C-alpha atoms as a PDB file:
ATOM      1  CA  MET A   1       0.000   0.000   0.000  1.00  0.00           C
ATOM      2  CA  VAL A   2       1.384   3.372  -1.039  1.00  0.00           C
ATOM      3  CA  LYS A   3       0.889   6.368   1.238  1.00  0.00           C
ATOM      4  CA  LYS A   4      -0.742   9.355  -0.488  1.00  0.00           C
ATOM      5  CA  LEU A   5       1.641  12.311  -0.302  1.00  0.00           C
ATOM      6  CA  LYS A   6       0.392  15.887  -0.529  1.00  0.00           C
ATOM      7  CA  CYS A   7       2.297  18.990  -1.537  1.00  0.00           C
ATOM      8  CA  ASP A   8       2.985  21.258   1.458  1.00  0.00           C
ATOM      9  CA  ALA A   9       2.580  24.406  -0.663  1.00  0.00           C
ATOM     10  CA  CYS A  10      -0.601  23.799  -2.684  1.00  0.00           C
ATOM     11  CA  GLY A  11      -2.128  20.666  -1.103  1.00  0.00           C
ATOM     12  CA  ARG A  12      -2.324  18.673  -4.340  1.00  0.00           C
ATOM     13  CA  GLU A  13      -1.466  14.988  -4.350  1.00  0.00           C
ATOM     14  CA  VAL A  14       2.143  14.402  -5.436  1.00  0.00           C
ATOM     15  CA  GLU A  15       2.434  11.988  -8.372  1.00  0.00           C
ATOM     16  CA  THR A  16       4.507   8.830  -7.973  1.00  0.00           C
ATOM     17  CA  THR A  17       6.173   6.497 -10.453  1.00  0.00           C
ATOM     18  CA  PHE A  18       5.331   2.805 -10.660  1.00  0.00           C
ATOM     19  CA  LEU A  19       8.374   2.146  -8.450  1.00  0.00           C
ATOM     20  CA  GLY A  20       6.988   4.397  -5.724  1.00  0.00           C
ATOM     21  CA  LYS A  21       9.334   7.358  -6.222  1.00  0.00           C
ATOM     22  CA  ILE A  22       7.818  10.831  -6.072  1.00  0.00           C
ATOM     23  CA  LYS A  23       7.692  13.248  -9.016  1.00  0.00           C
ATOM     24  CA  GLY A  24       8.650  16.262  -6.955  1.00  0.00           C
ATOM     25  CA  THR A  25      11.212  17.126  -4.324  1.00  0.00           C
ATOM     26  CA  TYR A  26      11.915  16.963  -0.615  1.00  0.00           C
ATOM     27  CA  VAL A  27      13.188  20.149   1.061  1.00  0.00           C
ATOM     28  CA  GLY A  28      14.784  20.149   4.513  1.00  0.00           C
ATOM     29  CA  LYS A  29      15.919  17.414   6.861  1.00  0.00           C
ATOM     30  CA  GLY A  30      14.384  15.437   9.705  1.00  0.00           C
ATOM     31  CA  LYS A  31      11.122  16.775  11.123  1.00  0.00           C
ATOM     32  CA  ASN A  32      11.369  19.929   8.987  1.00  0.00           C
ATOM     33  CA  ARG A  33      11.256  17.980   5.699  1.00  0.00           C
ATOM     34  CA  LYS A  34       8.588  19.197   3.291  1.00  0.00           C
ATOM     35  CA  ILE A  35       7.344  17.736   0.018  1.00  0.00           C
ATOM     36  CA  TYR A  36       6.681  19.863  -3.064  1.00  0.00           C
ATOM     37  CA  CYS A  37       5.022  18.778  -6.313  1.00  0.00           C
ATOM     38  CA  SER A  38       6.711  19.419  -9.657  1.00  0.00           C
ATOM     39  CA  MET A  39       4.599  22.546 -10.317  1.00  0.00           C
ATOM     40  CA  CYS A  40       5.501  24.163  -6.985  1.00  0.00           C
ATOM     41  CA  GLN A  41       9.125  23.068  -7.421  1.00  0.00           C
ATOM     42  CA  LYS A  42       9.334  25.280 -10.538  1.00  0.00           C
ATOM     43  CA  LYS A  43       8.034  28.223  -8.489  1.00  0.00           C
ATOM     44  CA  LEU A  44      10.637  27.626  -5.755  1.00  0.00           C
ATOM     45  CA  ASN A  45      13.528  27.816  -8.220  1.00  0.00           C
ATOM     46  CA  LYS A  46      12.615  31.328  -9.404  1.00  0.00           C
END
């Protein structure tokens, strides 16, 4: 069973590959780690 991950910026569900890897990025370490979807990731890089 795969856990549904949500983007911390927009709240959308983060897409995953068939191997279970996310199509997005993790930012931070430990308890401060946040997940961002690919759309929000583009906004972060600007």
